[in-house]
Amino acid sequence: MGTAFALEKEYCETLYDAYLVAIDTAPENDWLVKTFVERDIGSKETCDSLFSCGSLWTGGTDQAEEGNFIWTGSNATVEFVNWAPNNPNNNRDNEHCIRLLIDGTWSDYVCSDQLSFICEKTLVLNK
């Protein structure tokens, strides 16, 4: 995986002992949009075209098997989805990584593009 997606995945793992974000629920998806996307990238109101606006990588990919999306941090199957219209579409047989769009929907996208990203880390609290 010599791609921007792979480098950002490695960045999370190496520097933070973390992984690219996995989105498991609609409330989590909404929280990520409000906390990171709107603050760091902008809102859908400031964007002319959904697919050309800023977006960020999640840890979702189907690079191992087309159409079978997994979260790279856990290898768990992506169960909750929030695809944008006509997605995933594997455009040009080259879109294998999930990006979070400015409106909170998802798109499969070429893994070689450099995008913003969110590292997620599971914390274990001692009692």
N, C-alpha and C. Protein backbone atom coordinates (compact mmCIF):
# COMPACT_ATOMS: atom_id res chain seq x y z
N MET A 1 0.84 -1.19 0.00
CA MET A 1 0.00 0.00 0.00
C MET A 1 0.89 1.25 0.00
N GLY A 2 1.62 1.53 -1.03
CA GLY A 2 2.45 2.71 -1.10
C GLY A 2 1.64 3.93 -1.49
N THR A 3 0.68 4.30 -0.69
CA THR A 3 -0.23 5.39 -1.00
C THR A 3 -0.28 6.39 0.14
N ALA A 4 -0.90 7.54 -0.13
CA ALA A 4 -1.09 8.54 0.93
C ALA A 4 -1.89 7.92 2.08
N PHE A 5 -2.92 7.14 1.75
CA PHE A 5 -3.73 6.47 2.77
C PHE A 5 -2.84 5.60 3.66
N ALA A 6 -1.96 4.84 3.05
CA ALA A 6 -1.07 3.95 3.81
C ALA A 6 -0.11 4.74 4.68
N LEU A 7 0.38 5.86 4.16
CA LEU A 7 1.30 6.69 4.94
C LEU A 7 0.60 7.30 6.14
N GLU A 8 -0.63 7.74 5.95
CA GLU A 8 -1.37 8.32 7.06
C GLU A 8 -1.76 7.26 8.09
N LYS A 9 -2.06 6.07 7.61
CA LYS A 9 -2.31 4.93 8.51
C LYS A 9 -1.06 4.66 9.34
N GLU A 10 0.10 4.63 8.68
CA GLU A 10 1.35 4.39 9.37
C GLU A 10 1.67 5.51 10.37
N TYR A 11 1.36 6.73 10.00
CA TYR A 11 1.57 7.88 10.89
C TYR A 11 0.79 7.68 12.19
N CYS A 12 -0.48 7.32 12.08
CA CYS A 12 -1.30 7.08 13.28
C CYS A 12 -0.69 5.97 14.14
N GLU A 13 -0.30 4.88 13.48
CA GLU A 13 0.23 3.72 14.21
C GLU A 13 1.57 4.02 14.86
N THR A 14 2.45 4.66 14.13
CA THR A 14 3.81 4.88 14.62
C THR A 14 3.89 5.98 15.67
N LEU A 15 3.28 7.11 15.39
CA LEU A 15 3.42 8.25 16.30
C LEU A 15 2.46 8.22 17.49
N TYR A 16 1.30 7.62 17.32
CA TYR A 16 0.28 7.69 18.36
C TYR A 16 -0.18 6.34 18.90
N ASP A 17 0.37 5.25 18.37
CA ASP A 17 -0.12 3.93 18.73
C ASP A 17 -1.65 3.91 18.57
N ALA A 18 -2.08 4.42 17.42
CA ALA A 18 -3.50 4.59 17.13
C ALA A 18 -3.78 4.04 15.73
N TYR A 19 -4.95 4.33 15.20
CA TYR A 19 -5.35 3.85 13.87
C TYR A 19 -6.24 4.91 13.22
N LEU A 20 -6.36 4.84 11.90
CA LEU A 20 -7.28 5.74 11.22
C LEU A 20 -8.69 5.46 11.74
N VAL A 21 -9.46 6.51 11.90
CA VAL A 21 -10.76 6.42 12.56
C VAL A 21 -11.70 5.39 11.92
N ALA A 22 -12.38 4.66 12.78
CA ALA A 22 -13.45 3.73 12.37
C ALA A 22 -14.75 4.36 12.85
N ILE A 23 -15.74 4.42 11.99
CA ILE A 23 -17.01 5.06 12.33
C ILE A 23 -18.07 3.96 12.47
N ASP A 24 -18.54 3.78 13.69
CA ASP A 24 -19.44 2.65 13.96
C ASP A 24 -20.91 3.00 14.10
N THR A 25 -21.23 4.30 14.29
CA THR A 25 -22.62 4.69 14.50
C THR A 25 -22.90 6.05 13.86
N ALA A 26 -24.18 6.33 13.63
CA ALA A 26 -24.57 7.64 13.11
C ALA A 26 -24.19 8.77 14.07
N PRO A 27 -24.42 8.62 15.39
CA PRO A 27 -24.00 9.70 16.30
C PRO A 27 -22.49 9.96 16.25
N GLU A 28 -21.69 8.90 16.13
CA GLU A 28 -20.24 9.09 16.03
C GLU A 28 -19.91 9.83 14.73
N ASN A 29 -20.54 9.46 13.63
CA ASN A 29 -20.33 10.12 12.35
C ASN A 29 -20.65 11.61 12.47
N ASP A 30 -21.80 11.92 13.08
CA ASP A 30 -22.22 13.32 13.24
C ASP A 30 -21.23 14.09 14.11
N TRP A 31 -20.76 13.45 15.18
CA TRP A 31 -19.81 14.09 16.08
C TRP A 31 -18.49 14.40 15.35
N LEU A 32 -18.02 13.47 14.53
CA LEU A 32 -16.79 13.70 13.77
C LEU A 32 -16.94 14.88 12.82
N VAL A 33 -18.11 14.96 12.17
CA VAL A 33 -18.35 16.08 11.24
C VAL A 33 -18.32 17.40 11.99
N LYS A 34 -19.04 17.47 13.10
CA LYS A 34 -19.10 18.72 13.87
C LYS A 34 -17.76 19.07 14.51
N THR A 35 -17.05 18.07 15.02
CA THR A 35 -15.82 18.31 15.76
C THR A 35 -14.62 18.55 14.87
N PHE A 36 -14.52 17.83 13.76
CA PHE A 36 -13.33 17.92 12.92
C PHE A 36 -13.60 18.51 11.54
N VAL A 37 -14.58 18.00 10.85
CA VAL A 37 -14.79 18.41 9.46
C VAL A 37 -15.19 19.88 9.39
N GLU A 38 -16.23 20.27 10.12
CA GLU A 38 -16.70 21.66 10.04
C GLU A 38 -15.65 22.62 10.59
N ARG A 39 -14.92 22.22 11.59
CA ARG A 39 -13.91 23.09 12.20
C ARG A 39 -12.67 23.23 11.32
N ASP A 40 -12.21 22.13 10.76
CA ASP A 40 -10.93 22.13 10.05
C ASP A 40 -11.04 22.23 8.53
N ILE A 41 -12.16 21.81 7.97
CA ILE A 41 -12.29 21.77 6.52
C ILE A 41 -13.32 22.77 6.01
N GLY A 42 -14.40 22.94 6.73
CA GLY A 42 -15.46 23.85 6.31
C GLY A 42 -16.81 23.16 6.37
N SER A 43 -17.84 23.86 6.00
CA SER A 43 -19.18 23.28 6.05
C SER A 43 -19.74 23.17 4.64
N LYS A 44 -20.80 22.38 4.50
CA LYS A 44 -21.39 22.19 3.17
C LYS A 44 -21.96 23.50 2.62
N GLU A 45 -22.28 24.44 3.50
CA GLU A 45 -22.79 25.73 3.05
C GLU A 45 -21.72 26.56 2.34
N THR A 46 -20.45 26.28 2.60
CA THR A 46 -19.36 27.05 2.00
C THR A 46 -18.76 26.33 0.79
N CYS A 47 -19.43 25.31 0.32
CA CYS A 47 -18.87 24.45 -0.72
C CYS A 47 -19.76 24.44 -1.96
N ASP A 48 -19.15 24.51 -3.13
CA ASP A 48 -19.91 24.50 -4.38
C ASP A 48 -20.32 23.10 -4.79
N SER A 49 -19.43 22.13 -4.62
CA SER A 49 -19.69 20.76 -5.06
C SER A 49 -19.20 19.79 -3.98
N LEU A 50 -20.09 18.95 -3.53
CA LEU A 50 -19.80 18.02 -2.44
C LEU A 50 -18.51 17.24 -2.66
N PHE A 51 -18.28 16.73 -3.85
CA PHE A 51 -17.15 15.85 -4.09
C PHE A 51 -15.83 16.59 -4.33
N SER A 52 -15.89 17.90 -4.55
CA SER A 52 -14.65 18.65 -4.75
C SER A 52 -14.23 19.41 -3.50
N CYS A 53 -15.04 19.39 -2.47
CA CYS A 53 -14.70 20.07 -1.21
C CYS A 53 -13.72 19.23 -0.40
N GLY A 54 -13.23 19.81 0.67
CA GLY A 54 -12.34 19.07 1.53
C GLY A 54 -12.99 17.82 2.09
N SER A 55 -12.19 16.82 2.36
CA SER A 55 -12.67 15.57 2.95
C SER A 55 -11.52 14.98 3.74
N LEU A 56 -11.80 13.91 4.46
CA LEU A 56 -10.72 13.29 5.21
C LEU A 56 -10.84 11.78 5.19
N TRP A 57 -9.68 11.13 5.36
CA TRP A 57 -9.65 9.68 5.36
C TRP A 57 -10.24 9.12 6.64
N THR A 58 -10.98 8.04 6.48
CA THR A 58 -11.33 7.17 7.59
C THR A 58 -10.41 5.95 7.45
N GLY A 59 -10.56 5.00 8.31
CA GLY A 59 -9.75 3.78 8.21
C GLY A 59 -10.42 2.69 7.40
N GLY A 60 -11.44 3.02 6.64
CA GLY A 60 -12.15 2.01 5.86
C GLY A 60 -11.55 1.78 4.50
N THR A 61 -11.44 0.51 4.10
CA THR A 61 -10.89 0.16 2.79
C THR A 61 -11.43 -1.19 2.31
N ASP A 62 -11.46 -1.33 0.99
CA ASP A 62 -11.77 -2.65 0.40
C ASP A 62 -10.62 -3.09 -0.50
N GLN A 63 -9.41 -2.68 -0.15
CA GLN A 63 -8.23 -3.02 -0.97
C GLN A 63 -7.99 -4.53 -1.03
N ALA A 64 -8.31 -5.25 0.02
CA ALA A 64 -8.07 -6.70 0.02
C ALA A 64 -9.09 -7.44 -0.85
N GLU A 65 -10.35 -6.98 -0.82
CA GLU A 65 -11.40 -7.63 -1.60
C GLU A 65 -12.44 -6.58 -1.99
N GLU A 66 -12.58 -6.35 -3.29
CA GLU A 66 -13.50 -5.34 -3.78
C GLU A 66 -14.91 -5.53 -3.22
N GLY A 67 -15.44 -4.44 -2.65
CA GLY A 67 -16.80 -4.44 -2.11
C GLY A 67 -16.90 -4.91 -0.68
N ASN A 68 -15.82 -5.46 -0.13
CA ASN A 68 -15.81 -5.92 1.26
C ASN A 68 -15.00 -4.93 2.09
N PHE A 69 -15.67 -3.89 2.59
CA PHE A 69 -14.98 -2.83 3.33
C PHE A 69 -14.72 -3.27 4.76
N ILE A 70 -13.50 -3.00 5.21
CA ILE A 70 -13.09 -3.30 6.59
C ILE A 70 -12.46 -2.05 7.19
N TRP A 71 -12.43 -2.01 8.52
CA TRP A 71 -11.69 -0.96 9.23
C TRP A 71 -10.27 -1.47 9.45
N THR A 72 -9.29 -0.70 9.03
CA THR A 72 -7.90 -1.16 9.08
C THR A 72 -7.39 -1.35 10.51
N GLY A 73 -7.92 -0.62 11.46
CA GLY A 73 -7.44 -0.73 12.84
C GLY A 73 -7.80 -2.04 13.50
N SER A 74 -8.91 -2.65 13.08
CA SER A 74 -9.39 -3.87 13.73
C SER A 74 -9.63 -5.02 12.76
N ASN A 75 -9.60 -4.74 11.47
CA ASN A 75 -9.99 -5.70 10.42
C ASN A 75 -11.46 -6.11 10.52
N ALA A 76 -12.25 -5.34 11.27
CA ALA A 76 -13.68 -5.61 11.39
C ALA A 76 -14.40 -5.12 10.13
N THR A 77 -15.44 -5.84 9.75
CA THR A 77 -16.26 -5.44 8.62
C THR A 77 -16.96 -4.12 8.93
N VAL A 78 -17.00 -3.23 7.95
CA VAL A 78 -17.72 -1.97 8.10
C VAL A 78 -19.20 -2.30 8.08
N GLU A 79 -19.88 -2.08 9.20
CA GLU A 79 -21.31 -2.41 9.28
C GLU A 79 -22.18 -1.17 9.14
N PHE A 80 -21.93 -0.14 9.95
CA PHE A 80 -22.64 1.13 9.76
C PHE A 80 -22.05 1.79 8.52
N VAL A 81 -22.90 2.27 7.62
CA VAL A 81 -22.42 2.99 6.43
C VAL A 81 -23.25 4.26 6.25
N ASN A 82 -22.65 5.23 5.61
CA ASN A 82 -23.33 6.49 5.32
C ASN A 82 -22.88 7.00 3.94
N TRP A 83 -23.08 6.14 2.95
CA TRP A 83 -22.60 6.44 1.60
C TRP A 83 -23.33 7.62 0.98
N ALA A 84 -22.57 8.45 0.26
CA ALA A 84 -23.14 9.50 -0.58
C ALA A 84 -23.86 8.82 -1.75
N PRO A 85 -24.76 9.53 -2.41
CA PRO A 85 -25.45 8.94 -3.56
C PRO A 85 -24.45 8.37 -4.57
N ASN A 86 -24.81 7.22 -5.12
CA ASN A 86 -24.01 6.52 -6.14
C ASN A 86 -22.65 6.05 -5.63
N ASN A 87 -22.53 5.84 -4.35
CA ASN A 87 -21.29 5.33 -3.75
C ASN A 87 -21.62 4.12 -2.90
N PRO A 88 -20.68 3.21 -2.72
CA PRO A 88 -19.38 3.18 -3.36
C PRO A 88 -19.52 2.79 -4.83
N ASN A 89 -18.65 3.34 -5.65
CA ASN A 89 -18.75 3.03 -7.08
C ASN A 89 -17.44 2.54 -7.71
N ASN A 90 -16.36 2.52 -6.95
CA ASN A 90 -15.07 2.04 -7.46
C ASN A 90 -14.77 2.62 -8.84
N ASN A 91 -14.93 3.93 -8.96
CA ASN A 91 -14.70 4.62 -10.23
C ASN A 91 -13.35 4.24 -10.83
N ARG A 92 -13.35 3.89 -12.08
CA ARG A 92 -12.15 3.48 -12.83
C ARG A 92 -11.43 2.30 -12.17
N ASP A 93 -12.17 1.50 -11.43
CA ASP A 93 -11.60 0.34 -10.72
C ASP A 93 -10.43 0.74 -9.84
N ASN A 94 -10.51 1.95 -9.25
CA ASN A 94 -9.36 2.47 -8.53
C ASN A 94 -9.73 3.18 -7.23
N GLU A 95 -10.93 2.99 -6.72
CA GLU A 95 -11.34 3.66 -5.48
C GLU A 95 -11.56 2.61 -4.40
N HIS A 96 -10.66 2.59 -3.44
CA HIS A 96 -10.68 1.53 -2.43
C HIS A 96 -10.60 2.03 -1.00
N CYS A 97 -10.60 3.33 -0.78
CA CYS A 97 -10.48 3.87 0.58
C CYS A 97 -11.66 4.80 0.86
N ILE A 98 -12.17 4.76 2.08
CA ILE A 98 -13.36 5.55 2.43
C ILE A 98 -12.94 6.92 2.95
N ARG A 99 -13.50 7.95 2.31
CA ARG A 99 -13.30 9.31 2.81
C ARG A 99 -14.62 9.84 3.35
N LEU A 100 -14.51 10.67 4.37
CA LEU A 100 -15.65 11.34 5.00
C LEU A 100 -15.80 12.69 4.32
N LEU A 101 -16.94 12.89 3.68
CA LEU A 101 -17.17 14.14 2.95
C LEU A 101 -17.67 15.23 3.89
N ILE A 102 -17.68 16.43 3.39
CA ILE A 102 -17.99 17.62 4.18
C ILE A 102 -19.41 17.59 4.77
N ASP A 103 -20.33 16.85 4.14
CA ASP A 103 -21.70 16.78 4.65
C ASP A 103 -21.93 15.57 5.55
N GLY A 104 -20.86 14.80 5.81
CA GLY A 104 -20.98 13.63 6.67
C GLY A 104 -21.23 12.33 5.94
N THR A 105 -21.45 12.38 4.63
CA THR A 105 -21.60 11.15 3.87
C THR A 105 -20.21 10.63 3.49
N TRP A 106 -20.17 9.43 2.96
CA TRP A 106 -18.92 8.77 2.63
C TRP A 106 -18.82 8.55 1.12
N SER A 107 -17.59 8.46 0.67
CA SER A 107 -17.31 8.15 -0.72
C SER A 107 -16.09 7.24 -0.77
N ASP A 108 -16.13 6.24 -1.65
CA ASP A 108 -14.89 5.50 -1.89
C ASP A 108 -14.05 6.37 -2.81
N TYR A 109 -12.73 6.32 -2.62
CA TYR A 109 -11.87 7.29 -3.30
C TYR A 109 -10.50 6.67 -3.55
N VAL A 110 -9.75 7.24 -4.48
CA VAL A 110 -8.40 6.75 -4.77
C VAL A 110 -7.51 6.93 -3.55
N CYS A 111 -6.88 5.86 -3.13
CA CYS A 111 -6.08 5.86 -1.90
C CYS A 111 -4.81 6.69 -2.02
N SER A 112 -4.43 7.04 -3.23
CA SER A 112 -3.17 7.78 -3.41
C SER A 112 -3.29 9.27 -3.15
N ASP A 113 -4.51 9.80 -3.07
CA ASP A 113 -4.68 11.23 -2.82
C ASP A 113 -4.39 11.56 -1.36
N GLN A 114 -3.71 12.66 -1.16
CA GLN A 114 -3.40 13.09 0.20
C GLN A 114 -4.59 13.89 0.73
N LEU A 115 -5.14 13.40 1.84
CA LEU A 115 -6.28 14.06 2.48
C LEU A 115 -5.95 14.25 3.96
N SER A 116 -6.73 15.09 4.60
CA SER A 116 -6.66 15.16 6.06
C SER A 116 -7.11 13.81 6.61
N PHE A 117 -6.83 13.56 7.87
CA PHE A 117 -7.22 12.28 8.47
C PHE A 117 -7.35 12.44 9.97
N ILE A 118 -8.03 11.48 10.59
CA ILE A 118 -8.21 11.47 12.04
C ILE A 118 -7.66 10.16 12.57
N CYS A 119 -6.78 10.26 13.55
CA CYS A 119 -6.29 9.07 14.26
C CYS A 119 -7.21 8.81 15.44
N GLU A 120 -7.52 7.56 15.68
CA GLU A 120 -8.37 7.16 16.80
C GLU A 120 -7.57 6.21 17.68
N LYS A 121 -7.74 6.36 18.98
CA LYS A 121 -7.02 5.51 19.90
C LYS A 121 -7.99 5.01 20.97
N THR A 122 -7.92 3.73 21.24
CA THR A 122 -8.72 3.16 22.31
C THR A 122 -7.98 3.32 23.62
N LEU A 123 -8.63 3.93 24.57
CA LEU A 123 -8.02 4.13 25.89
C LEU A 123 -8.58 3.12 26.87
N VAL A 124 -7.72 2.56 27.66
CA VAL A 124 -8.13 1.64 28.71
C VAL A 124 -7.88 2.34 30.05
N LEU A 125 -8.93 2.54 30.79
CA LEU A 125 -8.82 3.23 32.06
C LEU A 125 -8.66 2.21 33.19
N ASN A 126 -7.70 2.42 34.02
CA ASN A 126 -7.52 1.55 35.19
C ASN A 126 -8.48 1.97 36.28
N LYS A 127 -9.08 1.00 36.92
CA LYS A 127 -10.02 1.31 38.01
C LYS A 127 -9.34 1.23 39.33
